[in-house]
Amino acid sequence: MDRRSLLAAGGGALAVAAGAPQAHAAGPAGLGRWPGRDVVRFNVISDIQGDLRDFGRALDDMAAVNPRSAGLAVAGDITPRGYDAEYAQVEAELKRHSHPRDVAWAIGNHEFYVPKWRDPDTLSQGTWPNNTTEDSLFRSFYRFARRGTVQAETSFGGIPVLTLGTERYSHYHDPTLWDEVWLSEAQFTWLENRLWHWSRRRRPVMVITHHPLPNTVSGTRNKLYASDYLQADRLLGLLGRHPDVFLFSGHTHWDLELSDWVVRRVVPGTANLSGFTVVNTGAIQTGYRDDGKGGEVSVGGTFNQGLQVEVRRDAVVIKARDFARRAWLKEITVPLSR
């Protein structure tokens, strides 16, 4: 059982109380070249995985620091295992705290872990898939996210936000695979069209996906995360053509204190010599670093990290936040190309 499975085996999500304050709404649309706001701010987190207490603390801290956030993106592993009851607990916790009106949810590998369990209290990987169909796992995510596809587009204050995700849980299709990401021709075509659409309109594009691409941010040169995508080269080829694309990925839980938390990835053959920006999202639940032996080790202590993103007229500022300590860790400014 891999480390992600062990995390899931640690138990279900915490119970939450009903009764919720109203979400604070995003401000008016528009940015820079468009009428309205000079700066659009939003937040990105990932890997809640049942840690609802830290999720609530993160929501409270984001609301205090960024009270007029234009949106919240969650880069996958929303639940520990993908049970409907776990999605309901996340939704209940979200409602208990102030949060932006617009929330963009990406699907993660933990949304597919129900088949490892005979029932919510009994781990039984030897009898996988325990009468759980692949289709039922997608339906649970769609009900929660209130849409009918893995990929989706939304707007945070006029900034396009695209969410991507696997359309297969690989172990259903190949017994030698588990969490590897597979994208359909339709999703690739949709992504390519949307990237060119916004490029022609001179808008930076925010792409949210759970799994990291190889040779990008922290952890992606580690053997644990070198092969997350079955079609990595094709996805890199699409993203790599656009200098004002910002890809946010989770899954690794690697500490935002690491130096390669943000990188520019240049993709050969794309004619974009400046590359595109890739950002690690940290994690709400448990942090990790390289163990020096080709694996990883827990950071230890309280770990609860995420991002604040500021899109300005001529640049995007990305700030790493420690929600537990209510402190900024670092920031970087990425100039826009146009």
Protein backbone atom coordinates (compact mmCIF):
# COMPACT_ATOMS: atom_id res chain seq x y z
CA MET A 1 0.00 0.00 0.00
CA ASP A 2 1.52 3.31 -1.06
CA ARG A 3 1.84 6.43 1.08
CA ARG A 4 -1.35 7.93 -0.38
CA SER A 5 -3.23 4.77 0.53
CA LEU A 6 -1.80 4.85 4.03
CA LEU A 7 -3.07 8.37 4.47
CA ALA A 8 -6.51 7.23 3.40
CA ALA A 9 -6.36 4.30 5.77
CA GLY A 10 -5.87 6.66 8.67
CA GLY A 11 -9.58 7.20 8.96
CA GLY A 12 -12.44 9.24 7.58
CA ALA A 13 -13.06 12.95 7.70
CA LEU A 14 -13.78 14.73 10.95
CA ALA A 15 -17.38 15.40 11.90
CA VAL A 16 -18.61 18.95 11.30
CA ALA A 17 -21.40 21.07 12.63
CA ALA A 18 -24.19 22.57 10.57
CA GLY A 19 -24.99 26.25 10.43
CA ALA A 20 -22.90 28.52 8.28
CA PRO A 21 -22.12 32.16 7.68
CA GLN A 22 -22.73 33.44 4.17
CA ALA A 23 -19.84 33.25 1.76
CA HIS A 24 -18.36 36.62 0.94
CA ALA A 25 -18.85 37.41 -2.71
CA ALA A 26 -16.14 38.20 -5.21
CA GLY A 27 -15.77 41.77 -6.35
CA PRO A 28 -16.60 43.12 -9.81
CA ALA A 29 -14.99 41.60 -12.86
CA GLY A 30 -12.28 43.31 -14.86
CA LEU A 31 -8.54 43.69 -14.68
CA GLY A 32 -5.88 46.01 -15.98
CA ARG A 33 -6.65 46.37 -19.67
CA TRP A 34 -10.32 45.84 -18.87
CA PRO A 35 -12.48 48.23 -16.78
CA GLY A 36 -12.74 47.44 -13.10
CA ARG A 37 -10.04 46.35 -10.69
CA ASP A 38 -6.32 46.96 -10.96
CA VAL A 39 -5.57 43.74 -9.07
CA VAL A 40 -7.48 40.45 -8.89
CA ARG A 41 -6.63 38.27 -5.88
CA PHE A 42 -7.60 34.66 -5.36
CA ASN A 43 -6.39 31.63 -3.42
CA VAL A 44 -5.22 28.13 -4.30
CA ILE A 45 -5.03 25.14 -1.94
CA SER A 46 -4.92 21.36 -2.32
CA ASP A 47 -4.94 18.01 -0.54
CA ILE A 48 -7.52 18.44 2.22
CA GLN A 49 -7.84 14.64 2.54
CA GLY A 50 -10.15 14.69 5.54
CA ASP A 51 -8.21 17.27 7.56
CA LEU A 52 -11.27 19.46 8.01
CA ARG A 53 -9.90 21.26 11.05
CA ASP A 54 -6.94 22.60 9.09
CA PHE A 55 -9.23 23.27 6.12
CA GLY A 56 -11.36 25.50 8.35
CA ARG A 57 -8.28 27.27 9.70
CA ALA A 58 -7.07 27.88 6.15
CA LEU A 59 -10.45 29.31 5.15
CA ASP A 60 -10.44 31.64 8.16
CA ASP A 61 -6.91 32.83 7.45
CA MET A 62 -7.62 33.42 3.76
CA ALA A 63 -10.75 35.39 4.64
CA ALA A 64 -8.78 37.57 7.07
CA VAL A 65 -5.87 38.26 4.72
CA ASN A 66 -7.78 38.35 1.45
CA PRO A 67 -11.36 39.31 2.38
CA ARG A 68 -12.40 40.17 -1.18
CA SER A 69 -10.91 37.11 -2.81
CA ALA A 70 -12.22 36.60 -6.34
CA GLY A 71 -12.18 32.83 -5.94
CA LEU A 72 -10.77 29.68 -4.39
CA ALA A 73 -9.22 26.87 -6.42
CA VAL A 74 -8.80 23.45 -4.81
CA ALA A 75 -6.28 21.32 -6.70
CA GLY A 76 -7.60 17.87 -5.87
CA ASP A 77 -7.67 15.33 -3.05
CA ILE A 78 -10.75 17.03 -1.70
CA THR A 79 -11.65 13.92 0.32
CA PRO A 80 -9.65 11.10 1.89
CA ARG A 81 -11.37 8.35 -0.16
CA GLY A 82 -14.22 9.72 -2.30
CA TYR A 83 -17.25 8.64 -0.27
CA ASP A 84 -20.36 10.80 -0.70
CA ALA A 85 -20.40 11.37 3.06
CA GLU A 86 -16.85 12.76 2.89
CA TYR A 87 -17.80 15.18 0.13
CA ALA A 88 -20.75 16.26 2.30
CA GLN A 89 -18.42 16.93 5.23
CA VAL A 90 -16.18 19.10 3.07
CA GLU A 91 -19.20 21.05 1.87
CA ALA A 92 -20.47 21.48 5.43
CA GLU A 93 -17.08 22.73 6.61
CA LEU A 94 -16.88 25.14 3.71
CA LYS A 95 -20.29 26.57 4.64
CA ARG A 96 -19.18 27.13 8.24
CA HIS A 97 -16.57 29.67 7.12
CA SER A 98 -16.42 32.77 4.97
CA HIS A 99 -15.23 31.90 1.49
CA PRO A 100 -15.43 33.25 -2.05
CA ARG A 101 -18.57 32.68 -4.06
CA ASP A 102 -16.62 31.01 -6.86
CA VAL A 103 -14.81 27.77 -6.03
CA ALA A 104 -13.02 25.70 -8.69
CA TRP A 105 -12.65 22.04 -7.73
CA ALA A 106 -10.17 19.69 -9.45
CA ILE A 107 -10.38 15.92 -9.03
CA GLY A 108 -7.52 14.07 -7.32
CA ASN A 109 -6.45 10.46 -6.87
CA HIS A 110 -7.98 10.25 -3.38
CA GLU A 111 -11.39 10.76 -4.96
CA PHE A 112 -10.93 7.20 -6.33
CA TYR A 113 -10.05 5.31 -3.15
CA VAL A 114 -13.49 3.93 -2.24
CA PRO A 115 -12.76 0.66 -4.14
CA LYS A 116 -9.96 -0.11 -1.66
CA TRP A 117 -12.52 -0.34 1.16
CA ARG A 118 -15.11 -3.05 1.78
CA ASP A 119 -17.04 -0.46 3.78
CA PRO A 120 -16.05 2.91 5.27
CA ASP A 121 -14.48 1.16 8.27
CA THR A 122 -12.82 -1.82 6.58
CA LEU A 123 -9.78 -1.51 4.31
CA SER A 124 -9.75 -4.47 1.92
CA GLN A 125 -7.43 -3.91 -1.02
CA GLY A 126 -7.24 -7.65 -1.68
CA THR A 127 -10.90 -7.62 -2.75
CA TRP A 128 -10.60 -4.47 -4.86
CA PRO A 129 -12.88 -2.96 -6.24
CA ASN A 130 -15.31 -4.12 -3.57
CA ASN A 131 -18.36 -3.77 -5.86
CA THR A 132 -17.56 -0.11 -6.57
CA THR A 133 -17.85 0.96 -10.19
CA GLU A 134 -15.58 3.52 -11.80
CA ASP A 135 -18.59 5.48 -13.02
CA SER A 136 -19.94 5.86 -9.47
CA LEU A 137 -16.72 7.60 -8.38
CA PHE A 138 -17.04 10.19 -11.14
CA ARG A 139 -20.73 10.69 -10.36
CA SER A 140 -19.88 11.46 -6.73
CA PHE A 141 -17.38 14.12 -7.81
CA TYR A 142 -19.80 15.61 -10.35
CA ARG A 143 -22.57 15.92 -7.77
CA PHE A 144 -20.23 17.66 -5.36
CA ALA A 145 -18.65 19.98 -7.94
CA ARG A 146 -22.05 20.64 -9.57
CA ARG A 147 -20.94 19.88 -13.10
CA GLY A 148 -20.88 16.96 -15.51
CA THR A 149 -17.26 16.88 -16.70
CA VAL A 150 -13.83 16.64 -15.12
CA GLN A 151 -12.56 19.68 -17.02
CA ALA A 152 -14.21 23.04 -16.41
CA GLU A 153 -13.70 26.75 -16.88
CA THR A 154 -14.62 29.51 -14.49
CA SER A 155 -13.64 33.13 -13.96
CA PHE A 156 -12.05 34.67 -10.90
CA GLY A 157 -12.71 38.39 -11.28
CA GLY A 158 -12.20 38.22 -15.04
CA ILE A 159 -9.23 35.82 -14.90
CA PRO A 160 -9.88 32.50 -16.69
CA VAL A 161 -9.38 29.42 -14.51
CA LEU A 162 -9.26 25.98 -16.17
CA THR A 163 -9.44 22.78 -14.14
CA LEU A 164 -8.09 19.50 -15.54
CA GLY A 165 -8.22 15.93 -14.32
CA THR A 166 -8.06 12.25 -15.14
CA GLU A 167 -11.02 10.71 -16.94
CA ARG A 168 -10.10 7.17 -15.94
CA TYR A 169 -9.01 5.57 -12.75
CA SER A 170 -6.19 3.59 -14.31
CA HIS A 171 -6.41 0.44 -12.19
CA TYR A 172 -9.83 -0.31 -13.68
CA HIS A 173 -8.21 -0.39 -17.13
CA ASP A 174 -4.74 -1.83 -16.45
CA PRO A 175 -3.91 -3.89 -13.35
CA THR A 176 -0.29 -2.69 -13.47
CA LEU A 177 -1.37 0.94 -12.96
CA TRP A 178 -3.03 2.83 -10.10
CA ASP A 179 -3.22 6.64 -9.93
CA GLU A 180 -1.79 7.56 -13.35
CA VAL A 181 -3.66 10.34 -15.15
CA TRP A 182 -5.36 9.77 -18.52
CA LEU A 183 -6.91 12.61 -20.54
CA SER A 184 -9.31 12.06 -23.43
CA GLU A 185 -8.99 13.55 -26.90
CA ALA A 186 -11.96 15.76 -26.02
CA GLN A 187 -10.22 17.20 -22.96
CA PHE A 188 -7.00 17.87 -24.89
CA THR A 189 -8.97 19.60 -27.66
CA TRP A 190 -10.91 21.65 -25.14
CA LEU A 191 -7.73 22.72 -23.36
CA GLU A 192 -5.96 23.69 -26.58
CA ASN A 193 -8.96 25.73 -27.74
CA ARG A 194 -9.34 27.56 -24.43
CA LEU A 195 -5.63 28.38 -24.18
CA TRP A 196 -5.61 29.91 -27.68
CA HIS A 197 -8.90 31.71 -27.01
CA TRP A 198 -7.47 33.53 -24.01
CA SER A 199 -4.06 34.04 -25.61
CA ARG A 200 -5.70 35.98 -28.45
CA ARG A 201 -7.45 38.12 -25.83
CA ARG A 202 -4.16 38.73 -23.99
CA ARG A 203 -5.33 37.18 -20.74
CA PRO A 204 -3.15 35.16 -18.37
CA VAL A 205 -4.66 31.70 -17.81
CA MET A 206 -4.68 29.80 -14.52
CA VAL A 207 -4.68 26.00 -14.92
CA ILE A 208 -5.54 23.86 -11.88
CA THR A 209 -4.66 20.16 -11.80
CA HIS A 210 -3.95 17.72 -9.02
CA HIS A 211 -0.97 15.77 -10.32
CA PRO A 212 2.33 17.54 -11.05
CA LEU A 213 4.03 17.37 -14.41
CA PRO A 214 7.52 15.82 -14.54
CA ASN A 215 10.61 17.95 -14.13
CA THR A 216 8.75 20.96 -12.80
CA VAL A 217 8.18 21.86 -9.13
CA SER A 218 9.34 20.27 -5.85
CA GLY A 219 9.20 16.48 -5.87
CA THR A 220 8.83 16.01 -9.60
CA ARG A 221 12.37 14.77 -10.07
CA ASN A 222 11.74 12.19 -7.36
CA LYS A 223 10.88 8.67 -8.56
CA LEU A 224 7.57 8.88 -6.68
CA TYR A 225 6.20 11.55 -9.01
CA ALA A 226 8.08 11.04 -12.28
CA SER A 227 5.28 9.19 -14.09
CA ASP A 228 1.98 10.65 -12.91
CA TYR A 229 0.72 11.38 -16.45
CA LEU A 230 0.33 8.79 -19.18
CA GLN A 231 0.41 11.62 -21.76
CA ALA A 232 2.79 14.06 -20.08
CA ASP A 233 4.59 15.13 -23.25
CA ARG A 234 1.38 16.04 -25.02
CA LEU A 235 0.11 18.08 -22.08
CA LEU A 236 3.45 19.85 -21.73
CA GLY A 237 3.39 20.60 -25.46
CA LEU A 238 0.04 22.39 -25.18
CA LEU A 239 0.90 24.39 -22.06
CA GLY A 240 4.43 25.16 -23.18
CA ARG A 241 3.32 27.29 -26.12
CA HIS A 242 1.89 29.97 -23.85
CA PRO A 243 4.18 32.19 -21.72
CA ASP A 244 1.25 33.55 -19.67
CA VAL A 245 -0.04 30.17 -18.54
CA PHE A 246 0.24 29.41 -14.81
CA LEU A 247 -0.13 25.75 -13.83
CA PHE A 248 -0.92 24.97 -10.18
CA SER A 249 -0.44 21.35 -9.06
CA GLY A 250 -0.72 19.49 -5.76
CA HIS A 251 -0.44 15.78 -4.87
CA THR A 252 3.14 15.76 -3.54
CA HIS A 253 2.41 17.72 -0.33
CA TRP A 254 5.97 19.03 -0.63
CA ASP A 255 6.84 22.00 1.54
CA LEU A 256 6.47 25.49 0.04
CA GLU A 257 9.65 26.44 1.88
CA LEU A 258 11.63 24.55 -0.78
CA SER A 259 13.45 26.60 -3.41
CA ASP A 260 11.73 24.99 -6.41
CA TRP A 261 8.19 25.76 -5.28
CA VAL A 262 7.82 27.87 -8.47
CA VAL A 263 9.62 27.18 -11.77
CA ARG A 264 9.54 28.23 -15.41
CA ARG A 265 9.23 25.12 -17.58
CA VAL A 266 10.54 25.49 -21.13
CA VAL A 267 9.18 22.84 -23.50
CA PRO A 268 11.42 22.15 -26.53
CA GLY A 269 9.71 22.55 -29.89
CA THR A 270 7.03 24.97 -28.73
CA ALA A 271 8.77 28.17 -29.95
CA ASN A 272 8.23 29.66 -26.49
CA LEU A 273 11.74 30.12 -25.14
CA SER A 274 10.59 31.74 -21.89
CA GLY A 275 8.45 28.76 -20.86
CA PHE A 276 5.35 28.79 -18.67
CA THR A 277 5.01 29.06 -14.90
CA VAL A 278 4.42 25.99 -12.71
CA VAL A 279 3.54 26.38 -9.03
CA ASN A 280 3.42 23.86 -6.17
CA THR A 281 0.29 24.34 -4.05
CA GLY A 282 1.62 22.87 -0.80
CA ALA A 283 -1.09 20.95 1.11
CA ILE A 284 -3.64 21.30 3.87
CA GLN A 285 -2.91 17.79 5.21
CA THR A 286 0.67 16.73 6.10
CA GLY A 287 3.84 18.10 4.51
CA TYR A 288 6.75 16.23 2.93
CA ARG A 289 10.30 16.79 1.74
CA ASP A 290 12.94 14.71 -0.03
CA ASP A 291 14.52 12.07 2.22
CA GLY A 292 17.79 12.09 0.26
CA LYS A 293 17.27 8.46 -0.79
CA GLY A 294 14.87 8.88 -3.67
CA GLY A 295 11.80 8.97 -1.42
CA GLU A 296 10.24 11.45 0.97
CA VAL A 297 9.85 12.15 4.67
CA SER A 298 7.21 13.98 6.67
CA VAL A 299 8.03 17.57 7.62
CA GLY A 300 6.57 16.98 11.07
CA GLY A 301 4.65 19.34 13.29
CA THR A 302 1.65 21.35 12.20
CA PHE A 303 1.50 21.72 8.43
CA ASN A 304 -1.10 23.78 6.59
CA GLN A 305 -0.01 25.66 3.47
CA GLY A 306 -1.44 27.28 0.35
CA LEU A 307 -1.20 30.23 -2.00
CA GLN A 308 -2.49 33.71 -2.66
CA VAL A 309 -2.30 34.87 -6.26
CA GLU A 310 -2.44 38.51 -7.36
CA VAL A 311 -2.96 39.24 -11.05
CA ARG A 312 -1.86 42.78 -11.86
CA ARG A 313 -1.75 44.81 -15.07
CA ASP A 314 1.72 43.61 -16.02
CA ALA A 315 2.61 40.77 -13.64
CA VAL A 316 1.35 37.94 -11.48
CA VAL A 317 2.47 37.85 -7.84
CA ILE A 318 2.33 34.44 -6.14
CA LYS A 319 2.61 34.30 -2.35
CA ALA A 320 3.13 31.16 -0.26
CA ARG A 321 1.19 31.17 3.01
CA ASP A 322 1.48 29.18 6.23
CA PHE A 323 -2.12 29.08 7.46
CA ALA A 324 -1.19 27.51 10.79
CA ARG A 325 1.26 30.27 11.74
CA ARG A 326 -0.68 32.93 9.83
CA ALA A 327 2.56 33.97 8.16
CA TRP A 328 3.86 34.58 4.67
CA LEU A 329 6.63 32.21 3.63
CA LYS A 330 7.80 33.81 0.39
CA GLU A 331 6.60 35.45 -2.81
CA ILE A 332 7.59 35.75 -6.45
CA THR A 333 6.61 38.21 -9.18
CA VAL A 334 6.25 36.85 -12.72
CA PRO A 335 6.06 39.53 -15.44
CA LEU A 336 3.39 39.03 -18.09
CA SER A 337 4.58 38.87 -21.69
CA ARG A 338 2.06 41.34 -23.09
